[in-house]
Amino acid sequence: MKRIVTKLALAFLGMAALAVALVWLVQAVLLSDSYLNQRVATIDEAVQSTVIAPQTDYAALESALNVSLLALNAEGSVVYQSDGLPMRGQIVRRVSELAQTAGGGVEYLQTETEEARYALVSRAVAGGTLIVVFSLVDVTEASRVLLQQLWVITAVLMGAALILSLVLSRLFSRPVVSVTQAAKALAAGDYSVKTPVRSRDEIGQLTQALNELGDELGKAEELRRELIANVSHELRAPLTIIRGYAETLRDVTWPNEEKRTAQLNAICDESVRLGALVSDILDYSRLQSGADKLELTDFPLSDALGEIIRGFELAAGRRDIALELSCDEGEVRFDRAQMVQVVSNLLDNAVHHARERSRIRIRGEKRGACMRVSIENVGDPIPPDELPNIWDRYHRAPRVGEAGGLGTGLGLAIVKSILTRHGVNFGVESDEKKTVFWFETVSQ
């Protein structure tokens, strides 16, 4: 009973049994007297136009209806009697009673030996009363034949229902069983399992959704492994450097002020990079989990960009890079803290990849109901086939001339997560002359 194929088979059989039971119920309750009622209705229709008179052709009426007749005039006297009238003695003794109750229901007469049954119908007609007597042998025979046919129909229906229930239960349960097995495989870590989609109904949609879930889980597992590998690598490098310089400083170069200062600076730089990596990992994880709610506010874009640029003047000055800001007047609707993070990551990326003694242009341009923010720098172009991938976490385009360290590999992934949460357009363009990162936001 635990298997769905068994449950479906029993359900189909139960429905078939219910249908057969309803057929028997209809036959027993509604159709048991249908033949007799139809016979009586035919007789009533035929005798309505009959007139008790000497010229009436009773023989023709008997032949047409296959019955026996007894005609009484208005005084209750017998004017016609069929030859071989069944149950003659009983009927003749009751002619006065039958004349008074004409128009009633059907009476049943039975011989003393109970070998034969008859039906008696008494109807008032023009000029008197017409008593119709007919045998119930054909009615009984018809009921017997119908009962035999009903048993045959029941056997055929139940046999067909059994076969159909087995076929349909297996047909309907097969995709459910396949989906269940696929779900167990996914739970066991096999994300490559695929179940064929054979229909477009709810089961087919469930199968398709499960296949897509497997794909997404596979990607998540791959990214998880990649994350562990990258984080392990990224953390190991600065930690190794810090440890190496610290041990050297302790054991060898501490008395030499010049070497000591250089090594302490290296330790500080690697500590900063390590802190940036951990911070970016936490920021990216928080964005992906949706832990931070957006706090949308209206603020002047030029003021926000100016504050961000001032924080990068020192890093840009070390490489003799000029920061140029031009921004149209207007407010934007955005989470200000995340706006700072987006522009800071893009600007940090531009400073790292710009050529020395070049210019980085930060623009805020009004475009209809939107404000487009763009950051343009001159440097080595990003290969076209790398443009769709640079937003992926830990992905770095193979570009030369990178300065200021390798970065954490999460900056653009964080930018993508923030802009996606805000539902705004963003992109990147790169050629031999320049590289431009841009995004749009609602302007107030």
Protein backbone atom coordinates (compact mmCIF):
# COMPACT_ATOMS: atom_id res chain seq x y z
CA MET A 1 0.00 0.00 0.00
CA LYS A 2 3.02 2.29 0.32
CA ARG A 3 3.79 2.22 -3.39
CA ILE A 4 2.07 4.84 -5.49
CA VAL A 5 1.48 2.36 -8.33
CA THR A 6 -0.53 0.16 -5.93
CA LYS A 7 -2.52 3.10 -4.66
CA LEU A 8 -3.32 4.28 -8.16
CA ALA A 9 -4.34 0.80 -9.27
CA LEU A 10 -6.66 0.40 -6.29
CA ALA A 11 -8.09 3.88 -6.92
CA PHE A 12 -8.88 3.03 -10.54
CA LEU A 13 -10.41 -0.29 -9.51
CA GLY A 14 -12.46 1.47 -6.85
CA MET A 15 -13.82 3.93 -9.41
CA ALA A 16 -14.70 1.07 -11.76
CA ALA A 17 -16.45 -0.82 -8.93
CA LEU A 18 -18.37 2.33 -8.03
CA ALA A 19 -19.47 2.75 -11.65
CA VAL A 20 -20.67 -0.86 -11.80
CA ALA A 21 -22.50 -0.46 -8.49
CA LEU A 22 -24.25 2.61 -9.85
CA VAL A 23 -25.29 0.64 -12.95
CA TRP A 24 -26.79 -2.07 -10.73
CA LEU A 25 -28.49 0.55 -8.58
CA VAL A 26 -30.04 2.25 -11.59
CA GLN A 27 -31.18 -1.09 -12.96
CA ALA A 28 -32.66 -2.24 -9.64
CA VAL A 29 -34.36 1.02 -8.66
CA LEU A 30 -35.11 2.96 -11.82
CA LEU A 31 -35.30 0.43 -14.63
CA SER A 32 -36.76 -2.67 -12.95
CA ASP A 33 -40.33 -1.77 -13.98
CA SER A 34 -39.41 0.23 -17.06
CA TYR A 35 -40.60 -2.44 -19.54
CA LEU A 36 -43.94 -2.91 -17.73
CA ASN A 37 -44.48 0.86 -17.49
CA GLN A 38 -43.74 1.23 -21.18
CA ARG A 39 -46.24 -1.57 -21.97
CA VAL A 40 -48.94 0.08 -19.89
CA ALA A 41 -48.24 3.48 -21.51
CA THR A 42 -48.63 1.89 -24.96
CA ILE A 43 -51.97 0.33 -23.93
CA ASP A 44 -53.24 3.63 -22.49
CA GLU A 45 -52.35 5.45 -25.68
CA ALA A 46 -54.14 2.81 -27.80
CA VAL A 47 -57.36 2.62 -25.76
CA GLN A 48 -57.84 6.38 -25.43
CA SER A 49 -59.59 6.52 -28.80
CA THR A 50 -61.59 3.32 -28.24
CA VAL A 51 -65.41 3.56 -28.03
CA ILE A 52 -67.61 0.84 -26.54
CA ALA A 53 -70.00 0.30 -29.44
CA PRO A 54 -71.29 -2.62 -31.58
CA GLN A 55 -69.15 -1.53 -34.53
CA THR A 56 -65.86 -1.43 -32.57
CA ASP A 57 -63.24 -3.83 -33.95
CA TYR A 58 -62.02 -5.38 -30.69
CA ALA A 59 -60.21 -8.18 -32.50
CA ALA A 60 -57.97 -5.72 -34.35
CA LEU A 61 -57.17 -3.97 -31.09
CA GLU A 62 -56.29 -7.32 -29.45
CA SER A 63 -54.03 -8.24 -32.31
CA ALA A 64 -52.27 -4.87 -32.33
CA LEU A 65 -51.60 -4.92 -28.58
CA ASN A 66 -51.22 -8.71 -28.14
CA VAL A 67 -53.67 -8.65 -25.23
CA SER A 68 -57.06 -10.03 -24.18
CA LEU A 69 -60.02 -7.64 -23.79
CA LEU A 70 -63.22 -7.42 -21.77
CA ALA A 71 -65.55 -4.55 -22.74
CA LEU A 72 -68.34 -3.29 -20.44
CA ASN A 73 -71.02 -0.82 -21.45
CA ALA A 74 -72.18 2.07 -19.30
CA GLU A 75 -74.54 -0.20 -17.35
CA GLY A 76 -71.68 -2.60 -16.50
CA SER A 77 -72.84 -5.40 -18.83
CA VAL A 78 -70.27 -7.36 -20.84
CA VAL A 79 -70.44 -6.45 -24.53
CA TYR A 80 -67.24 -8.15 -25.65
CA GLN A 81 -65.05 -10.85 -24.23
CA SER A 82 -61.89 -12.30 -25.82
CA ASP A 83 -61.73 -15.97 -26.49
CA GLY A 84 -59.34 -17.54 -24.01
CA LEU A 85 -59.51 -14.63 -21.60
CA PRO A 86 -57.00 -15.46 -18.83
CA MET A 87 -58.30 -15.72 -15.29
CA ARG A 88 -61.85 -15.45 -16.68
CA GLY A 89 -63.65 -16.48 -13.47
CA GLN A 90 -61.84 -13.94 -11.25
CA ILE A 91 -62.28 -11.11 -13.74
CA VAL A 92 -66.00 -11.73 -14.49
CA ARG A 93 -66.82 -11.81 -10.78
CA ARG A 94 -65.21 -8.42 -10.35
CA VAL A 95 -66.57 -6.55 -13.37
CA SER A 96 -68.63 -4.14 -11.29
CA GLU A 97 -65.65 -3.42 -9.05
CA LEU A 98 -63.34 -2.98 -12.03
CA ALA A 99 -65.81 -0.63 -13.70
CA GLN A 100 -65.85 1.57 -10.60
CA THR A 101 -62.02 1.63 -10.22
CA ALA A 102 -61.25 2.19 -13.92
CA GLY A 103 -58.23 4.43 -14.38
CA GLY A 104 -56.35 3.09 -11.36
CA GLY A 105 -53.00 1.37 -11.35
CA VAL A 106 -51.96 -2.05 -12.61
CA GLU A 107 -53.21 -5.20 -10.88
CA TYR A 108 -51.33 -8.48 -10.97
CA LEU A 109 -53.13 -11.80 -11.27
CA GLN A 110 -51.58 -15.19 -10.66
CA THR A 111 -52.85 -18.66 -11.34
CA GLU A 112 -53.41 -21.01 -8.44
CA THR A 113 -50.43 -23.08 -9.53
CA GLU A 114 -48.33 -19.87 -9.69
CA GLU A 115 -47.07 -20.92 -13.09
CA ALA A 116 -48.32 -17.81 -14.85
CA ARG A 117 -48.71 -14.14 -13.95
CA TYR A 118 -50.89 -11.57 -15.67
CA ALA A 119 -51.36 -7.84 -15.50
CA LEU A 120 -54.81 -6.24 -15.56
CA VAL A 121 -55.42 -2.66 -16.66
CA SER A 122 -58.92 -1.19 -16.33
CA ARG A 123 -59.61 2.06 -18.21
CA ALA A 124 -62.75 4.16 -18.61
CA VAL A 125 -63.41 4.91 -22.27
CA ALA A 126 -66.26 6.41 -24.26
CA GLY A 127 -69.38 4.30 -23.75
CA GLY A 128 -68.11 2.18 -20.84
CA THR A 129 -65.04 0.40 -19.49
CA LEU A 130 -62.32 -1.52 -21.25
CA ILE A 131 -60.43 -4.16 -19.30
CA VAL A 132 -57.07 -5.22 -20.78
CA VAL A 133 -55.29 -8.39 -19.64
CA PHE A 134 -51.83 -9.41 -20.82
CA SER A 135 -49.24 -11.98 -19.79
CA LEU A 136 -46.12 -11.01 -17.85
CA VAL A 137 -44.08 -13.82 -19.34
CA ASP A 138 -42.36 -11.51 -21.82
CA VAL A 139 -41.72 -8.93 -19.09
CA THR A 140 -40.15 -11.59 -16.85
CA GLU A 141 -38.12 -12.90 -19.76
CA ALA A 142 -36.92 -9.42 -20.61
CA SER A 143 -35.86 -8.84 -17.00
CA ARG A 144 -34.03 -12.17 -16.96
CA VAL A 145 -32.19 -11.35 -20.19
CA LEU A 146 -31.27 -7.89 -18.90
CA LEU A 147 -29.97 -9.41 -15.68
CA GLN A 148 -27.81 -11.87 -17.61
CA GLN A 149 -26.49 -9.06 -19.78
CA LEU A 150 -25.78 -6.99 -16.70
CA TRP A 151 -23.66 -9.78 -15.22
CA VAL A 152 -21.73 -10.06 -18.48
CA ILE A 153 -21.28 -6.29 -18.60
CA THR A 154 -20.09 -6.30 -14.99
CA ALA A 155 -17.52 -9.01 -15.69
CA VAL A 156 -16.26 -7.24 -18.83
CA LEU A 157 -16.09 -3.86 -17.09
CA MET A 158 -14.21 -5.19 -14.07
CA GLY A 159 -11.77 -7.12 -16.27
CA ALA A 160 -11.15 -4.05 -18.44
CA ALA A 161 -10.87 -1.90 -15.31
CA LEU A 162 -8.28 -4.26 -13.85
CA ILE A 163 -6.14 -4.15 -16.98
CA LEU A 164 -6.63 -0.41 -17.44
CA SER A 165 -5.84 0.31 -13.79
CA LEU A 166 -2.56 -1.61 -14.02
CA VAL A 167 -1.58 0.16 -17.24
CA LEU A 168 -2.62 3.65 -16.11
CA SER A 169 -1.16 3.29 -12.63
CA ARG A 170 2.22 2.36 -14.09
CA LEU A 171 1.92 5.11 -16.71
CA PHE A 172 1.05 7.80 -14.16
CA SER A 173 3.42 6.60 -11.47
CA ARG A 174 6.48 6.17 -13.69
CA PRO A 175 7.33 9.93 -13.87
CA VAL A 176 6.62 10.32 -10.15
CA VAL A 177 8.93 7.42 -9.35
CA SER A 178 11.57 8.89 -11.68
CA VAL A 179 11.29 12.27 -9.99
CA THR A 180 11.57 10.62 -6.57
CA GLN A 181 14.69 8.71 -7.60
CA ALA A 182 16.18 11.88 -9.07
CA ALA A 183 15.44 13.77 -5.85
CA LYS A 184 17.17 11.03 -3.83
CA ALA A 185 20.17 11.25 -6.16
CA LEU A 186 20.30 15.01 -5.69
CA ALA A 187 20.09 14.56 -1.93
CA ALA A 188 23.03 12.14 -2.18
CA GLY A 189 25.09 14.73 -4.05
CA ASP A 190 24.71 13.50 -7.64
CA TYR A 191 23.77 16.76 -9.37
CA SER A 192 24.28 15.36 -12.88
CA VAL A 193 21.13 13.25 -12.76
CA LYS A 194 18.52 14.19 -15.37
CA THR A 195 14.94 12.97 -15.73
CA PRO A 196 13.32 13.04 -19.21
CA VAL A 197 10.37 15.44 -19.50
CA ARG A 198 7.62 13.50 -21.27
CA SER A 199 4.63 15.80 -20.73
CA ARG A 200 3.70 19.43 -20.23
CA ASP A 201 1.37 18.90 -17.29
CA GLU A 202 2.16 19.50 -13.62
CA ILE A 203 4.33 16.37 -13.44
CA GLY A 204 6.28 17.50 -16.49
CA GLN A 205 6.73 20.94 -14.93
CA LEU A 206 7.88 19.32 -11.70
CA THR A 207 10.38 17.19 -13.63
CA GLN A 208 11.69 20.25 -15.48
CA ALA A 209 11.95 22.19 -12.21
CA LEU A 210 13.87 19.30 -10.62
CA ASN A 211 16.28 19.17 -13.56
CA GLU A 212 16.83 22.92 -13.26
CA LEU A 213 17.32 22.51 -9.51
CA GLY A 214 19.97 19.89 -10.20
CA ASP A 215 21.73 22.30 -12.57
CA GLU A 216 21.63 25.10 -10.00
CA LEU A 217 22.81 22.82 -7.21
CA GLY A 218 25.62 21.63 -9.43
CA LYS A 219 26.64 25.22 -10.11
CA ALA A 220 26.39 26.04 -6.41
CA GLU A 221 28.54 23.05 -5.53
CA GLU A 222 31.10 24.00 -8.15
CA LEU A 223 31.13 27.58 -6.88
CA ARG A 224 31.44 26.33 -3.30
CA ARG A 225 34.49 24.28 -4.21
CA GLU A 226 35.86 27.18 -6.19
CA LEU A 227 35.20 29.51 -3.26
CA ILE A 228 37.02 27.22 -0.83
CA ALA A 229 39.94 26.80 -3.22
CA ASN A 230 40.20 30.52 -3.98
CA VAL A 231 39.75 31.65 -0.43
CA SER A 232 42.31 29.12 0.74
CA HIS A 233 44.75 30.36 -1.89
CA GLU A 234 44.04 34.03 -1.30
CA LEU A 235 44.39 33.69 2.46
CA ARG A 236 47.48 31.49 2.28
CA ALA A 237 49.51 33.94 0.20
CA PRO A 238 49.31 37.02 2.51
CA LEU A 239 49.55 34.86 5.63
CA THR A 240 52.71 33.21 4.29
CA ILE A 241 54.20 36.60 3.44
CA ILE A 242 53.29 38.05 6.82
CA ARG A 243 54.75 35.06 8.63
CA GLY A 244 57.91 35.08 6.52
CA TYR A 245 58.59 38.77 7.01
CA ALA A 246 57.76 38.54 10.71
CA GLU A 247 60.20 35.65 11.23
CA THR A 248 62.89 37.39 9.19
CA LEU A 249 62.30 40.59 11.09
CA ARG A 250 62.54 38.75 14.40
CA ASP A 251 65.58 36.64 13.63
CA VAL A 252 67.65 38.61 11.13
CA THR A 253 66.88 42.22 10.23
CA TRP A 254 65.58 43.76 13.43
CA PRO A 255 68.80 45.77 14.09
CA ASN A 256 68.81 47.11 10.48
CA GLU A 257 66.34 50.00 10.54
CA GLU A 258 66.04 50.29 6.75
CA LYS A 259 65.29 46.59 6.20
CA ARG A 260 63.10 46.49 9.27
CA THR A 261 60.99 49.38 8.01
CA ALA A 262 60.60 47.81 4.55
CA GLN A 263 59.56 44.49 6.00
CA LEU A 264 57.12 46.10 8.43
CA ASN A 265 55.60 48.00 5.51
CA ALA A 266 55.24 44.72 3.61
CA ILE A 267 53.55 43.15 6.63
CA CYS A 268 51.17 46.11 6.85
CA ASP A 269 50.38 45.94 3.12
CA GLU A 270 49.65 42.24 3.25
CA SER A 271 47.54 42.73 6.39
CA VAL A 272 45.52 45.37 4.56
CA ARG A 273 45.06 43.05 1.58
CA LEU A 274 44.07 40.21 3.89
CA GLY A 275 41.58 42.45 5.65
CA ALA A 276 40.17 43.60 2.28
CA LEU A 277 39.76 39.98 1.18
CA VAL A 278 37.91 39.00 4.35
CA SER A 279 35.77 42.14 4.13
CA ASP A 280 34.87 41.43 0.51
CA ILE A 281 34.01 37.81 1.29
CA LEU A 282 31.72 38.92 4.11
CA ASP A 283 30.13 41.62 1.96
CA TYR A 284 29.54 39.22 -0.92
CA SER A 285 28.10 36.52 1.36
CA ARG A 286 25.81 39.06 3.01
CA LEU A 287 24.59 40.35 -0.36
CA GLN A 288 23.99 36.84 -1.70
CA SER A 289 22.02 35.83 1.39
CA GLY A 290 19.89 38.98 1.29
CA ALA A 291 20.62 39.68 4.96
CA ASP A 292 20.86 43.44 4.36
CA LYS A 293 17.65 45.24 3.44
CA LEU A 294 17.81 48.04 0.92
CA GLU A 295 17.42 51.50 2.42
CA LEU A 296 16.48 53.61 -0.59
CA THR A 297 16.93 57.35 -0.15
CA ASP A 298 17.11 60.38 -2.39
CA PHE A 299 20.46 62.20 -2.39
CA PRO A 300 22.50 64.43 -4.75
CA LEU A 301 24.67 62.26 -6.97
CA SER A 302 27.42 64.86 -7.34
CA ASP A 303 27.96 65.07 -3.57
CA ALA A 304 28.22 61.27 -3.21
CA LEU A 305 30.67 60.96 -6.12
CA GLY A 306 32.78 63.82 -4.79
CA GLU A 307 33.14 62.17 -1.38
CA ILE A 308 34.14 58.85 -2.95
CA ILE A 309 36.73 60.43 -5.27
CA ARG A 310 38.40 62.27 -2.40
CA GLY A 311 39.06 58.91 -0.77
CA PHE A 312 40.98 57.71 -3.85
CA GLU A 313 43.10 60.80 -4.50
CA LEU A 314 46.07 59.43 -2.56
CA ALA A 315 46.07 56.01 -4.30
CA ALA A 316 45.68 57.67 -7.71
CA GLY A 317 48.41 60.21 -6.92
CA ARG A 318 50.93 57.45 -6.26
CA ARG A 319 50.66 56.47 -9.94
CA ASP A 320 50.25 60.04 -11.16
CA ILE A 321 46.65 59.37 -12.25
CA ALA A 322 44.26 62.32 -12.44
CA LEU A 323 40.66 61.89 -11.29
CA GLU A 324 38.21 64.01 -13.29
CA LEU A 325 34.57 64.38 -12.16
CA SER A 326 31.70 65.80 -14.21
CA CYS A 327 28.14 65.34 -12.96
CA ASP A 328 24.79 66.80 -13.95
CA GLU A 329 22.66 68.26 -11.21
CA GLY A 330 19.99 65.99 -9.77
CA GLU A 331 19.19 63.50 -7.08
CA VAL A 332 19.15 59.74 -7.42
CA ARG A 333 17.16 57.10 -5.53
CA PHE A 334 19.53 54.43 -4.26
CA ASP A 335 20.88 52.85 -1.09
CA ARG A 336 23.59 55.40 -0.38
CA ALA A 337 25.92 53.02 1.45
CA GLN A 338 25.73 50.53 -1.39
CA MET A 339 26.17 53.33 -3.95
CA VAL A 340 29.44 54.18 -2.20
CA GLN A 341 30.47 50.53 -2.33
CA VAL A 342 29.64 50.19 -6.05
CA VAL A 343 31.49 53.33 -7.13
CA SER A 344 34.41 52.59 -4.78
CA ASN A 345 34.85 49.09 -6.22
CA LEU A 346 34.67 50.37 -9.80
CA LEU A 347 37.03 53.23 -9.07
CA ASP A 348 39.48 50.95 -7.26
CA ASN A 349 39.37 48.62 -10.27
CA ALA A 350 40.04 51.57 -12.60
CA VAL A 351 42.99 52.83 -10.51
CA HIS A 352 44.57 49.36 -10.48
CA HIS A 353 44.30 48.91 -14.25
CA ALA A 354 44.85 52.46 -15.55
CA ARG A 355 48.13 53.40 -17.13
CA GLU A 356 50.44 55.62 -15.15
CA ARG A 357 50.13 59.34 -15.80
CA SER A 358 46.69 58.83 -17.36
CA ARG A 359 43.26 60.21 -16.53
CA ILE A 360 40.20 58.53 -15.01
CA ARG A 361 36.90 60.21 -15.86
CA ILE A 362 33.91 59.81 -13.52
CA ARG A 363 30.69 61.06 -15.07
CA GLY A 364 27.09 61.42 -13.96
CA GLU A 365 24.88 62.07 -17.00
CA LYS A 366 21.17 62.78 -16.99
CA ARG A 367 19.36 60.50 -19.44
CA GLY A 368 15.62 60.98 -19.29
CA ALA A 369 14.29 59.51 -16.04
CA CYS A 370 17.67 57.92 -15.28
CA MET A 371 21.11 59.06 -14.26
CA ARG A 372 24.00 57.12 -15.79
CA VAL A 373 27.19 56.84 -13.77
CA SER A 374 30.29 55.86 -15.77
CA ILE A 375 33.95 55.36 -14.84
CA GLU A 376 36.40 55.50 -17.75
CA ASN A 377 40.09 54.70 -17.68
CA VAL A 378 42.84 54.21 -20.25
CA GLY A 379 44.64 50.89 -20.04
CA ASP A 380 44.99 47.48 -21.59
CA PRO A 381 41.62 46.40 -23.09
CA ILE A 382 39.61 43.52 -21.75
CA PRO A 383 39.40 40.71 -24.37
CA PRO A 384 35.87 40.56 -25.86
CA ASP A 385 35.40 36.94 -24.83
CA GLU A 386 36.17 37.91 -21.23
CA LEU A 387 33.60 40.72 -20.95
CA PRO A 388 30.64 38.47 -19.95
CA ASN A 389 32.77 36.72 -17.31
CA ILE A 390 34.36 39.60 -15.43
CA TRP A 391 31.33 39.92 -13.14
CA ASP A 392 31.84 36.38 -11.83
CA ARG A 393 33.41 36.01 -8.42
CA TYR A 394 37.16 35.29 -8.35
CA HIS A 395 37.39 35.85 -12.09
CA ARG A 396 40.19 38.05 -13.34
CA ALA A 397 40.62 38.96 -16.97
CA PRO A 398 44.14 38.23 -18.25
CA ARG A 399 45.40 41.83 -18.49
CA VAL A 400 48.91 43.12 -18.09
CA GLY A 401 50.08 46.27 -16.41
CA GLU A 402 48.09 45.69 -13.24
CA ALA A 403 49.40 47.71 -10.33
CA GLY A 404 48.76 47.89 -6.64
CA GLY A 405 48.32 44.17 -5.95
CA LEU A 406 46.11 41.50 -7.35
CA GLY A 407 42.91 42.53 -5.58
CA THR A 408 40.45 40.08 -4.05
CA GLY A 409 38.58 38.97 -7.16
CA LEU A 410 35.23 39.85 -5.55
CA GLY A 411 34.92 43.55 -6.33
CA LEU A 412 32.94 43.26 -9.57
CA ALA A 413 30.89 40.34 -8.21
CA ILE A 414 29.84 42.60 -5.32
CA VAL A 415 28.99 45.38 -7.79
CA LYS A 416 26.86 42.98 -9.82
CA SER A 417 24.98 41.74 -6.72
CA ILE A 418 24.20 45.29 -5.55
CA LEU A 419 23.07 46.54 -8.96
CA THR A 420 21.00 43.41 -9.55
CA ARG A 421 19.24 43.88 -6.20
CA HIS A 422 18.41 47.47 -7.21
CA GLY A 423 17.11 46.25 -10.58
CA VAL A 424 19.14 48.73 -12.66
CA ASN A 425 20.99 48.37 -15.95
CA PHE A 426 24.78 48.08 -15.93
CA GLY A 427 27.57 47.00 -18.23
CA VAL A 428 31.13 47.39 -19.46
CA GLU A 429 32.70 48.51 -22.74
CA SER A 430 36.37 48.04 -23.61
CA ASP A 431 38.55 48.72 -26.64
CA GLU A 432 42.10 49.82 -27.42
CA LYS A 433 41.36 53.40 -26.36
CA LYS A 434 39.45 53.01 -23.10
CA THR A 435 37.48 50.82 -20.72
CA VAL A 436 34.18 52.11 -19.36
CA PHE A 437 32.11 50.61 -16.54
CA TRP A 438 28.65 52.09 -16.18
CA PHE A 439 25.34 51.70 -14.38
CA GLU A 440 22.05 53.57 -14.30
CA THR A 441 19.83 54.63 -11.43
CA VAL A 442 16.49 56.36 -11.09
CA SER A 443 16.77 60.14 -11.14
CA GLN A 444 14.48 62.32 -9.04
